[in-house]
PDB file of N, CA and C in Angstrom:
ATOM      1  N   MET A   1      25.557  -7.295 -30.982  1.00  0.00           N
ATOM      2  CA  MET A   1      26.231  -7.227 -29.710  1.00  0.00           C
ATOM      3  C   MET A   1      27.077  -5.970 -29.626  1.00  0.00           C
ATOM      4  N   THR A   2      28.386  -6.150 -29.637  1.00  0.00           N
ATOM      5  CA  THR A   2      29.286  -5.015 -29.523  1.00  0.00           C
ATOM      6  C   THR A   2      29.639  -4.518 -30.913  1.00  0.00           C
ATOM      7  N   SER A   3      29.485  -3.226 -31.071  1.00  0.00           N
ATOM      8  CA  SER A   3      29.872  -2.645 -32.350  1.00  0.00           C
ATOM      9  C   SER A   3      31.382  -2.414 -32.340  1.00  0.00           C
ATOM     10  N   PRO A   4      31.967  -2.220 -33.533  1.00  0.00           N
ATOM     11  CA  PRO A   4      33.422  -2.035 -33.607  1.00  0.00           C
ATOM     12  C   PRO A   4      33.924  -0.869 -32.764  1.00  0.00           C
ATOM     13  N   ASP A   5      33.088   0.151 -32.591  1.00  0.00           N
ATOM     14  CA  ASP A   5      33.564   1.304 -31.808  1.00  0.00           C
ATOM     15  C   ASP A   5      33.279   1.152 -30.309  1.00  0.00           C
ATOM     16  N   GLY A   6      32.651   0.033 -29.868  1.00  0.00           N
ATOM     17  CA  GLY A   6      32.432  -0.242 -28.448  1.00  0.00           C
ATOM     18  C   GLY A   6      31.213   0.423 -27.852  1.00  0.00           C
ATOM     19  N   THR A   7      30.351   1.022 -28.659  1.00  0.00           N
ATOM     20  CA  THR A   7      29.192   1.734 -28.117  1.00  0.00           C
ATOM     21  C   THR A   7      28.140   0.780 -27.559  1.00  0.00           C
ATOM     22  N   GLY A   8      28.127  -0.462 -28.017  1.00  0.00           N
ATOM     23  CA  GLY A   8      27.162  -1.429 -27.493  1.00  0.00           C
ATOM     24  C   GLY A   8      27.396  -1.693 -26.014  1.00  0.00           C
ATOM     25  N   ASP A   9      28.642  -1.844 -25.648  1.00  0.00           N
ATOM     26  CA  ASP A   9      28.976  -2.075 -24.240  1.00  0.00           C
ATOM     27  C   ASP A   9      28.628  -0.857 -23.396  1.00  0.00           C
ATOM     28  N   VAL A  10      28.881   0.315 -23.925  1.00  0.00           N
ATOM     29  CA  VAL A  10      28.590   1.551 -23.193  1.00  0.00           C
ATOM     30  C   VAL A  10      27.086   1.683 -22.978  1.00  0.00           C
ATOM     31  N   ALA A  11      26.311   1.403 -23.995  1.00  0.00           N
ATOM     32  CA  ALA A  11      24.851   1.506 -23.876  1.00  0.00           C
ATOM     33  C   ALA A  11      24.318   0.488 -22.870  1.00  0.00           C
ATOM     34  N   ALA A  12      24.873  -0.711 -22.890  1.00  0.00           N
ATOM     35  CA  ALA A  12      24.439  -1.735 -21.946  1.00  0.00           C
ATOM     36  C   ALA A  12      24.798  -1.335 -20.514  1.00  0.00           C
ATOM     37  N   LEU A  13      25.982  -0.794 -20.335  1.00  0.00           N
ATOM     38  CA  LEU A  13      26.394  -0.339 -19.009  1.00  0.00           C
ATOM     39  C   LEU A  13      25.519   0.801 -18.512  1.00  0.00           C
ATOM     40  N   ARG A  14      25.203   1.726 -19.390  1.00  0.00           N
ATOM     41  CA  ARG A  14      24.332   2.844 -19.000  1.00  0.00           C
ATOM     42  C   ARG A  14      22.949   2.341 -18.613  1.00  0.00           C
ATOM     43  N   ALA A  15      22.420   1.391 -19.372  1.00  0.00           N
ATOM     44  CA  ALA A  15      21.107   0.831 -19.047  1.00  0.00           C
ATOM     45  C   ALA A  15      21.155   0.127 -17.696  1.00  0.00           C
ATOM     46  N   GLU A  16      22.227  -0.605 -17.438  1.00  0.00           N
ATOM     47  CA  GLU A  16      22.365  -1.291 -16.152  1.00  0.00           C
ATOM     48  C   GLU A  16      22.493  -0.290 -15.004  1.00  0.00           C
ATOM     49  N   ILE A  17      23.251   0.778 -15.233  1.00  0.00           N
ATOM     50  CA  ILE A  17      23.403   1.821 -14.213  1.00  0.00           C
ATOM     51  C   ILE A  17      22.060   2.485 -13.932  1.00  0.00           C
ATOM     52  N   ASP A  18      21.297   2.783 -14.966  1.00  0.00           N
ATOM     53  CA  ASP A  18      19.976   3.397 -14.793  1.00  0.00           C
ATOM     54  C   ASP A  18      19.035   2.473 -14.015  1.00  0.00           C
ATOM     55  N   ALA A  19      19.074   1.191 -14.327  1.00  0.00           N
ATOM     56  CA  ALA A  19      18.224   0.231 -13.611  1.00  0.00           C
ATOM     57  C   ALA A  19      18.628   0.143 -12.144  1.00  0.00           C
ATOM     58  N   THR A  20      19.933   0.152 -11.890  1.00  0.00           N
ATOM     59  CA  THR A  20      20.425   0.097 -10.514  1.00  0.00           C
ATOM     60  C   THR A  20      20.021   1.349  -9.751  1.00  0.00           C
ATOM     61  N   ARG A  21      20.124   2.508 -10.383  1.00  0.00           N
ATOM     62  CA  ARG A  21      19.704   3.761  -9.739  1.00  0.00           C
ATOM     63  C   ARG A  21      18.231   3.730  -9.392  1.00  0.00           C
ATOM     64  N   ALA A  22      17.421   3.250 -10.313  1.00  0.00           N
ATOM     65  CA  ALA A  22      15.971   3.177 -10.055  1.00  0.00           C
ATOM     66  C   ALA A  22      15.688   2.247  -8.878  1.00  0.00           C
ATOM     67  N   GLN A  23      16.358   1.104  -8.852  1.00  0.00           N
ATOM     68  CA  GLN A  23      16.161   0.154  -7.756  1.00  0.00           C
ATOM     69  C   GLN A  23      16.632   0.758  -6.438  1.00  0.00           C
ATOM     70  N   LEU A  24      17.755   1.442  -6.444  1.00  0.00           N
ATOM     71  CA  LEU A  24      18.277   2.079  -5.241  1.00  0.00           C
ATOM     72  C   LEU A  24      17.308   3.161  -4.758  1.00  0.00           C
ATOM     73  N   GLY A  25      16.747   3.912  -5.676  1.00  0.00           N
ATOM     74  CA  GLY A  25      15.773   4.940  -5.313  1.00  0.00           C
ATOM     75  C   GLY A  25      14.551   4.335  -4.628  1.00  0.00           C
ATOM     76  N   ARG A  26      14.058   3.219  -5.170  1.00  0.00           N
ATOM     77  CA  ARG A  26      12.904   2.547  -4.550  1.00  0.00           C
ATOM     78  C   ARG A  26      13.261   2.035  -3.155  1.00  0.00           C
ATOM     79  N   THR A  27      14.470   1.510  -3.015  1.00  0.00           N
ATOM     80  CA  THR A  27      14.902   0.995  -1.713  1.00  0.00           C
ATOM     81  C   THR A  27      14.989   2.118  -0.689  1.00  0.00           C
ATOM     82  N   VAL A  28      15.558   3.246  -1.078  1.00  0.00           N
ATOM     83  CA  VAL A  28      15.674   4.389  -0.175  1.00  0.00           C
ATOM     84  C   VAL A  28      14.286   4.888   0.212  1.00  0.00           C
ATOM     85  N   ASP A  29      13.369   4.972  -0.741  1.00  0.00           N
ATOM     86  CA  ASP A  29      11.999   5.406  -0.440  1.00  0.00           C
ATOM     87  C   ASP A  29      11.326   4.452   0.545  1.00  0.00           C
ATOM     88  N   GLU A  30      11.519   3.162   0.355  1.00  0.00           N
ATOM     89  CA  GLU A  30      10.916   2.172   1.243  1.00  0.00           C
ATOM     90  C   GLU A  30      11.498   2.279   2.650  1.00  0.00           C
ATOM     91  N   LEU A  31      12.800   2.436   2.746  1.00  0.00           N
ATOM     92  CA  LEU A  31      13.432   2.584   4.061  1.00  0.00           C
ATOM     93  C   LEU A  31      12.972   3.864   4.753  1.00  0.00           C
ATOM     94  N   SER A  32      12.845   4.930   4.005  1.00  0.00           N
ATOM     95  CA  SER A  32      12.367   6.193   4.578  1.00  0.00           C
ATOM     96  C   SER A  32      10.955   6.028   5.129  1.00  0.00           C
ATOM     97  N   ALA A  33      10.108   5.342   4.393  1.00  0.00           N
ATOM     98  CA  ALA A  33       8.734   5.118   4.846  1.00  0.00           C
ATOM     99  C   ALA A  33       8.718   4.272   6.115  1.00  0.00           C
ATOM    100  N   ARG A  34       9.571   3.279   6.186  1.00  0.00           N
ATOM    101  CA  ARG A  34       9.611   2.420   7.376  1.00  0.00           C
ATOM    102  C   ARG A  34      10.127   3.155   8.600  1.00  0.00           C
ATOM    103  N   LEU A  35      11.012   4.117   8.399  1.00  0.00           N
ATOM    104  CA  LEU A  35      11.609   4.847   9.515  1.00  0.00           C
ATOM    105  C   LEU A  35      10.796   6.071   9.927  1.00  0.00           C
ATOM    106  N   ASP A  36       9.754   6.400   9.190  1.00  0.00           N
ATOM    107  CA  ASP A  36       8.917   7.558   9.507  1.00  0.00           C
ATOM    108  C   ASP A  36       7.861   7.138  10.530  1.00  0.00           C
ATOM    109  N   VAL A  37       8.247   7.157  11.802  1.00  0.00           N
ATOM    110  CA  VAL A  37       7.388   6.658  12.878  1.00  0.00           C
ATOM    111  C   VAL A  37       6.090   7.453  12.994  1.00  0.00           C
ATOM    112  N   PRO A  38       6.098   8.788  12.957  1.00  0.00           N
ATOM    113  CA  PRO A  38       4.826   9.514  13.062  1.00  0.00           C
ATOM    114  C   PRO A  38       3.839   9.160  11.937  1.00  0.00           C
ATOM    115  N   ALA A  39       4.352   9.009  10.736  1.00  0.00           N
ATOM    116  CA  ALA A  39       3.467   8.655   9.621  1.00  0.00           C
ATOM    117  C   ALA A  39       2.905   7.252   9.816  1.00  0.00           C
ATOM    118  N   ARG A  40       3.728   6.331  10.303  1.00  0.00           N
ATOM    119  CA  ARG A  40       3.248   4.967  10.557  1.00  0.00           C
ATOM    120  C   ARG A  40       2.215   4.964  11.667  1.00  0.00           C
ATOM    121  N   ALA A  41       2.394   5.798  12.679  1.00  0.00           N
ATOM    122  CA  ALA A  41       1.419   5.882  13.772  1.00  0.00           C
ATOM    123  C   ALA A  41       0.096   6.427  13.262  1.00  0.00           C
ATOM    124  N   ARG A  42       0.153   7.463  12.427  1.00  0.00           N
ATOM    125  CA  ARG A  42      -1.087   8.021  11.855  1.00  0.00           C
ATOM    126  C   ARG A  42      -1.797   6.981  11.003  1.00  0.00           C
ATOM    127  N   GLU A  43      -1.015   6.222  10.252  1.00  0.00           N
ATOM    128  CA  GLU A  43      -1.598   5.170   9.407  1.00  0.00           C
ATOM    129  C   GLU A  43      -2.276   4.111  10.274  1.00  0.00           C
ATOM    130  N   ARG A  44      -1.641   3.751  11.368  1.00  0.00           N
ATOM    131  CA  ARG A  44      -2.206   2.745  12.273  1.00  0.00           C
ATOM    132  C   ARG A  44      -3.506   3.244  12.904  1.00  0.00           C
ATOM    133  N   VAL A  45      -3.529   4.521  13.309  1.00  0.00           N
ATOM    134  CA  VAL A  45      -4.740   5.107  13.885  1.00  0.00           C
ATOM    135  C   VAL A  45      -5.859   5.109  12.855  1.00  0.00           C
ATOM    136  N   ALA A  46      -5.543   5.478  11.628  1.00  0.00           N
ATOM    137  CA  ALA A  46      -6.560   5.504  10.573  1.00  0.00           C
ATOM    138  C   ALA A  46      -7.114   4.110  10.315  1.00  0.00           C
ATOM    139  N   ARG A  47      -6.234   3.096  10.276  1.00  0.00           N
ATOM    140  CA  ARG A  47      -6.709   1.719  10.068  1.00  0.00           C
ATOM    141  C   ARG A  47      -7.587   1.253  11.215  1.00  0.00           C
ATOM    142  N   THR A  48      -7.188   1.587  12.435  1.00  0.00           N
ATOM    143  CA  THR A  48      -7.973   1.191  13.606  1.00  0.00           C
ATOM    144  C   THR A  48      -9.334   1.866  13.588  1.00  0.00           C
ATOM    145  N   ARG A  49      -9.354   3.142  13.254  1.00  0.00           N
ATOM    146  CA  ARG A  49     -10.620   3.879  13.174  1.00  0.00           C
ATOM    147  C   ARG A  49     -11.513   3.278  12.096  1.00  0.00           C
ATOM    148  N   ASP A  50     -10.944   2.985  10.951  1.00  0.00           N
ATOM    149  CA  ASP A  50     -11.726   2.379   9.867  1.00  0.00           C
ATOM    150  C   ASP A  50     -12.306   1.033  10.280  1.00  0.00           C
ATOM    151  N   THR A  51     -11.503   0.251  11.003  1.00  0.00           N
ATOM    152  CA  THR A  51     -11.973  -1.050  11.476  1.00  0.00           C
ATOM    153  C   THR A  51     -13.125  -0.877  12.463  1.00  0.00           C
ATOM    154  N   ALA A  52     -13.002   0.085  13.366  1.00  0.00           N
ATOM    155  CA  ALA A  52     -14.064   0.328  14.344  1.00  0.00           C
ATOM    156  C   ALA A  52     -15.347   0.786  13.653  1.00  0.00           C
ATOM    157  N   VAL A  53     -15.214   1.673  12.691  1.00  0.00           N
ATOM    158  CA  VAL A  53     -16.391   2.160  11.966  1.00  0.00           C
ATOM    159  C   VAL A  53     -17.048   1.020  11.196  1.00  0.00           C
ATOM    160  N   GLU A  54     -16.236   0.200  10.551  1.00  0.00           N
ATOM    161  CA  GLU A  54     -16.778  -0.926   9.790  1.00  0.00           C
ATOM    162  C   GLU A  54     -17.483  -1.917  10.720  1.00  0.00           C
ATOM    163  N   THR A  55     -16.886  -2.175  11.876  1.00  0.00           N
ATOM    164  CA  THR A  55     -17.503  -3.079  12.843  1.00  0.00           C
ATOM    165  C   THR A  55     -18.829  -2.514  13.332  1.00  0.00           C
ATOM    166  N   TYR A  56     -18.857  -1.213  13.597  1.00  0.00           N
ATOM    167  CA  TYR A  56     -20.100  -0.577  14.050  1.00  0.00           C
ATOM    168  C   TYR A  56     -21.181  -0.670  12.975  1.00  0.00           C
ATOM    169  N   ARG A  57     -20.810  -0.444  11.739  1.00  0.00           N
ATOM    170  CA  ARG A  57     -21.795  -0.503  10.645  1.00  0.00           C
ATOM    171  C   ARG A  57     -22.356  -1.909  10.478  1.00  0.00           C
ATOM    172  N   GLU A  58     -21.520  -2.919  10.736  1.00  0.00           N
ATOM    173  CA  GLU A  58     -21.970  -4.300  10.583  1.00  0.00           C
ATOM    174  C   GLU A  58     -22.876  -4.733  11.725  1.00  0.00           C
ATOM    175  N   SER A  59     -22.605  -4.245  12.942  1.00  0.00           N
ATOM    176  CA  SER A  59     -23.365  -4.713  14.095  1.00  0.00           C
ATOM    177  C   SER A  59     -23.404  -3.641  15.186  1.00  0.00           C
ATOM    178  N   PRO A  60     -24.219  -2.600  15.018  1.00  0.00           N
ATOM    179  CA  PRO A  60     -24.260  -1.500  15.994  1.00  0.00           C
ATOM    180  C   PRO A  60     -24.607  -1.930  17.420  1.00  0.00           C
ATOM    181  N   PRO A  61     -25.582  -2.797  17.651  1.00  0.00           N
ATOM    182  CA  PRO A  61     -25.912  -3.139  19.046  1.00  0.00           C
ATOM    183  C   PRO A  61     -24.750  -3.791  19.791  1.00  0.00           C
ATOM    184  N   VAL A  62     -23.998  -4.627  19.120  1.00  0.00           N
ATOM    185  CA  VAL A  62     -22.860  -5.287  19.766  1.00  0.00           C
ATOM    186  C   VAL A  62     -21.807  -4.257  20.154  1.00  0.00           C
ATOM    187  N   VAL A  63     -21.533  -3.318  19.267  1.00  0.00           N
ATOM    188  CA  VAL A  63     -20.522  -2.303  19.539  1.00  0.00           C
ATOM    189  C   VAL A  63     -20.985  -1.404  20.682  1.00  0.00           C
ATOM    190  N   ILE A  64     -22.230  -1.020  20.673  1.00  0.00           N
ATOM    191  CA  ILE A  64     -22.758  -0.165  21.748  1.00  0.00           C
ATOM    192  C   ILE A  64     -22.679  -0.904  23.086  1.00  0.00           C
ATOM    193  N   THR A  65     -23.069  -2.173  23.091  1.00  0.00           N
ATOM    194  CA  THR A  65     -23.000  -2.967  24.309  1.00  0.00           C
ATOM    195  C   THR A  65     -21.562  -3.090  24.799  1.00  0.00           C
ATOM    196  N   ALA A  66     -20.647  -3.357  23.898  1.00  0.00           N
ATOM    197  CA  ALA A  66     -19.236  -3.470  24.274  1.00  0.00           C
ATOM    198  C   ALA A  66     -18.729  -2.151  24.855  1.00  0.00           C
ATOM    199  N   GLY A  67     -19.154  -1.038  24.278  1.00  0.00           N
ATOM    200  CA  GLY A  67     -18.752   0.275  24.793  1.00  0.00           C
ATOM    201  C   GLY A  67     -19.275   0.509  26.195  1.00  0.00           C
ATOM    202  N   ILE A  68     -20.525   0.139  26.431  1.00  0.00           N
ATOM    203  CA  ILE A  68     -21.129   0.304  27.753  1.00  0.00           C
ATOM    204  C   ILE A  68     -20.404  -0.577  28.776  1.00  0.00           C
ATOM    205  N   VAL A  69     -20.106  -1.809  28.392  1.00  0.00           N
ATOM    206  CA  VAL A  69     -19.382  -2.710  29.289  1.00  0.00           C
ATOM    207  C   VAL A  69     -18.006  -2.144  29.606  1.00  0.00           C
ATOM    208  N   LEU A  70     -17.325  -1.617  28.614  1.00  0.00           N
ATOM    209  CA  LEU A  70     -16.002  -1.037  28.827  1.00  0.00           C
ATOM    210  C   LEU A  70     -16.066   0.147  29.786  1.00  0.00           C
ATOM    211  N   VAL A  71     -17.036   1.025  29.592  1.00  0.00           N
ATOM    212  CA  VAL A  71     -17.204   2.172  30.492  1.00  0.00           C
ATOM    213  C   VAL A  71     -17.493   1.673  31.903  1.00  0.00           C
ATOM    214  N   GLY A  72     -18.347   0.653  32.023  1.00  0.00           N
ATOM    215  CA  GLY A  72     -18.653   0.088  33.333  1.00  0.00           C
ATOM    216  C   GLY A  72     -17.413  -0.472  34.018  1.00  0.00           C
ATOM    217  N   LEU A  73     -16.576  -1.152  33.269  1.00  0.00           N
ATOM    218  CA  LEU A  73     -15.338  -1.689  33.840  1.00  0.00           C
ATOM    219  C   LEU A  73     -14.415  -0.579  34.319  1.00  0.00           C
ATOM    220  N   VAL A  74     -14.286   0.465  33.542  1.00  0.00           N
ATOM    221  CA  VAL A  74     -13.416   1.583  33.927  1.00  0.00           C
ATOM    222  C   VAL A  74     -13.958   2.238  35.196  1.00  0.00           C
ATOM    223  N   VAL A  75     -15.262   2.472  35.241  1.00  0.00           N
ATOM    224  CA  VAL A  75     -15.865   3.076  36.431  1.00  0.00           C
ATOM    225  C   VAL A  75     -15.666   2.155  37.637  1.00  0.00           C
ATOM    226  N   GLY A  76     -15.839   0.862  37.455  1.00  0.00           N
ATOM    227  CA  GLY A  76     -15.640  -0.091  38.540  1.00  0.00           C
ATOM    228  C   GLY A  76     -14.221  -0.075  39.077  1.00  0.00           C
ATOM    229  N   VAL A  77     -13.256  -0.031  38.195  1.00  0.00           N
ATOM    230  CA  VAL A  77     -11.855   0.023  38.621  1.00  0.00           C
ATOM    231  C   VAL A  77     -11.582   1.308  39.395  1.00  0.00           C
ATOM    232  N   VAL A  78     -12.098   2.432  38.911  1.00  0.00           N
ATOM    233  CA  VAL A  78     -11.896   3.710  39.603  1.00  0.00           C
ATOM    234  C   VAL A  78     -12.519   3.661  40.993  1.00  0.00           C
ATOM    235  N   VAL A  79     -13.730   3.142  41.108  1.00  0.00           N
ATOM    236  CA  VAL A  79     -14.408   3.066  42.406  1.00  0.00           C
ATOM    237  C   VAL A  79     -13.630   2.166  43.355  1.00  0.00           C
ATOM    238  N   LEU A  80     -13.180   1.002  42.882  1.00  0.00           N
ATOM    239  CA  LEU A  80     -12.411   0.099  43.734  1.00  0.00           C
ATOM    240  C   LEU A  80     -11.109   0.741  44.218  1.00  0.00           C
ATOM    241  N   ARG A  81     -10.439   1.430  43.357  1.00  0.00           N
ATOM    242  CA  ARG A  81      -9.173   2.069  43.747  1.00  0.00           C
ATOM    243  C   ARG A  81      -9.413   3.154  44.796  1.00  0.00           C
ATOM    244  N   ARG A  82     -10.495   3.900  44.629  1.00  0.00           N
ATOM    245  CA  ARG A  82     -10.797   4.947  45.614  1.00  0.00           C
ATOM    246  C   ARG A  82     -11.150   4.340  46.962  1.00  0.00           C
ATOM    247  N   ARG A  83     -11.920   3.259  46.947  1.00  0.00           N
ATOM    248  CA  ARG A  83     -12.285   2.604  48.211  1.00  0.00           C
ATOM    249  C   ARG A  83     -11.041   2.076  48.917  1.00  0.00           C
ATOM    250  N   ARG A  84     -10.154   1.454  48.160  1.00  0.00           N
ATOM    251  CA  ARG A  84      -8.924   0.938  48.766  1.00  0.00           C
ATOM    252  C   ARG A  84      -8.069   2.071  49.322  1.00  0.00           C
ATOM    253  N   ALA A  85      -7.988   3.155  48.574  1.00  0.00           N
ATOM    254  CA  ALA A  85      -7.194   4.297  49.032  1.00  0.00           C
ATOM    255  C   ALA A  85      -7.806   4.885  50.298  1.00  0.00           C
ATOM    256  N   ASN A  86      -9.128   4.982  50.352  1.00  0.00           N
ATOM    257  CA  ASN A  86      -9.795   5.534  51.539  1.00  0.00           C
ATOM    258  C   ASN A  86      -9.633   4.604  52.736  1.00  0.00           C
ATOM    259  N   SER A  87      -9.721   3.287  52.512  1.00  0.00           N
ATOM    260  CA  SER A  87      -9.575   2.350  53.624  1.00  0.00           C
ATOM    261  C   SER A  87      -8.142   2.356  54.168  1.00  0.00           C
ATOM    262  N   ARG A  88      -7.160   2.574  53.357  1.00  0.00           N
ATOM    263  CA  ARG A  88      -5.761   2.667  53.812  1.00  0.00           C
ATOM    264  C   ARG A  88      -5.538   3.929  54.608  1.00  0.00           C
ATOM    265  N   ARG A  89      -6.193   5.003  54.215  1.00  0.00           N
ATOM    266  CA  ARG A  89      -6.034   6.278  54.937  1.00  0.00           C
ATOM    267  C   ARG A  89      -6.627   6.183  56.338  1.00  0.00           C
ATOM    268  N   LYS A  90      -7.710   5.443  56.492  1.00  0.00           N
ATOM    269  CA  LYS A  90      -8.386   5.318  57.776  1.00  0.00           C
ATOM    270  C   LYS A  90      -7.571   4.507  58.772  1.00  0.00           C
ATOM    271  N   ARG A  91      -6.726   3.661  58.333  1.00  0.00           N
ATOM    272  CA  ARG A  91      -5.920   2.801  59.214  1.00  0.00           C
ATOM    273  C   ARG A  91      -4.860   3.567  59.874  1.00  0.00           C
TER     274      ARG A  91
END
Protein backbone atom coordinates (compact mmCIF):
# COMPACT_ATOMS: atom_id res chain seq x y z
CA MET A 1 0.00 0.00 0.00
CA THR A 2 1.62 3.19 1.20
CA SER A 3 5.34 3.21 1.57
CA PRO A 4 6.94 5.03 4.51
CA ASP A 5 7.93 7.93 2.27
CA GLY A 6 4.35 8.32 0.86
CA THR A 7 5.21 7.54 -2.77
CA GLY A 8 2.44 4.94 -3.01
CA ASP A 9 -0.22 7.58 -2.54
CA VAL A 10 1.47 9.87 -5.05
CA ALA A 11 1.64 7.12 -7.66
CA ALA A 12 -2.01 6.24 -7.12
CA LEU A 13 -3.03 9.88 -7.43
CA ARG A 14 -1.01 10.30 -10.61
CA ALA A 15 -2.61 7.18 -12.10
CA GLU A 16 -6.06 8.49 -11.19
CA ILE A 17 -5.26 11.91 -12.67
CA ASP A 18 -4.03 10.27 -15.90
CA ALA A 19 -7.19 8.17 -16.14
CA THR A 20 -9.35 11.24 -15.56
CA ARG A 21 -7.46 13.18 -18.24
CA ALA A 22 -7.92 10.36 -20.73
CA GLN A 23 -11.64 10.18 -19.97
CA LEU A 24 -11.98 13.97 -20.25
CA GLY A 25 -10.17 13.89 -23.59
CA ARG A 26 -12.58 11.25 -24.92
CA THR A 27 -15.55 13.29 -23.69
CA VAL A 28 -14.28 16.46 -25.37
CA ASP A 29 -13.68 14.56 -28.63
CA GLU A 30 -17.19 13.12 -28.52
CA LEU A 31 -18.76 16.52 -27.85
CA SER A 32 -16.74 18.07 -30.67
CA ALA A 33 -17.96 15.39 -33.07
CA ARG A 34 -21.57 15.94 -32.02
CA LEU A 35 -21.30 19.70 -32.50
CA ASP A 36 -19.65 19.46 -35.94
CA VAL A 37 -22.83 19.95 -37.98
CA PRO A 38 -21.21 19.98 -41.46
CA ALA A 39 -19.41 16.71 -40.76
CA ARG A 40 -22.63 15.14 -39.46
CA ALA A 41 -24.48 16.32 -42.58
CA ARG A 42 -21.82 14.80 -44.85
CA GLU A 43 -22.04 11.57 -42.88
CA ARG A 44 -25.82 11.53 -43.26
CA VAL A 45 -25.57 12.13 -47.02
CA ALA A 46 -23.04 9.31 -47.36
CA ARG A 47 -25.28 6.91 -45.39
CA THR A 48 -28.30 7.86 -47.48
CA ARG A 49 -26.36 7.40 -50.71
CA ASP A 50 -25.07 4.02 -49.54
CA THR A 51 -28.60 2.95 -48.65
CA ALA A 52 -29.90 4.02 -52.07
CA VAL A 53 -27.11 2.19 -53.87
CA GLU A 54 -27.67 -0.94 -51.80
CA THR A 55 -31.42 -0.80 -52.47
CA TYR A 56 -30.78 -0.40 -56.20
CA ARG A 57 -28.40 -3.36 -56.24
CA GLU A 58 -30.96 -5.53 -54.46
CA SER A 59 -33.90 -4.61 -56.70
CA PRO A 60 -33.15 -2.38 -59.72
CA PRO A 61 -36.61 -2.54 -61.37
CA VAL A 62 -38.37 -1.37 -58.20
CA VAL A 63 -35.97 1.55 -57.78
CA ILE A 64 -36.29 2.56 -61.44
CA THR A 65 -40.08 2.38 -61.22
CA ALA A 66 -40.10 4.44 -58.03
CA GLY A 67 -37.88 7.03 -59.72
CA ILE A 68 -40.19 7.25 -62.72
CA VAL A 69 -43.23 7.61 -60.46
CA LEU A 70 -41.49 10.35 -58.48
CA VAL A 71 -40.59 12.26 -61.66
CA GLY A 72 -44.19 11.87 -62.84
CA LEU A 73 -45.51 13.28 -59.58
CA VAL A 74 -43.18 16.28 -59.74
CA VAL A 75 -44.17 16.97 -63.36
CA GLY A 76 -47.85 16.63 -62.42
CA VAL A 77 -47.53 19.10 -59.57
CA VAL A 78 -45.72 21.60 -61.81
CA VAL A 79 -48.39 21.29 -64.52
CA LEU A 80 -51.23 21.71 -62.01
CA ARG A 81 -49.64 24.79 -60.48
CA ARG A 82 -49.15 26.38 -63.89
CA ARG A 83 -52.75 25.68 -64.88
CA ARG A 84 -54.03 27.21 -61.66
CA ALA A 85 -51.79 30.23 -62.08
CA ASN A 86 -52.96 30.70 -65.69
CA SER A 87 -56.63 30.33 -64.74
CA ARG A 88 -56.25 32.99 -62.00
CA ARG A 89 -54.62 35.38 -64.45
CA LYS A 90 -57.52 35.03 -66.89
CA ARG A 91 -60.09 36.04 -64.28
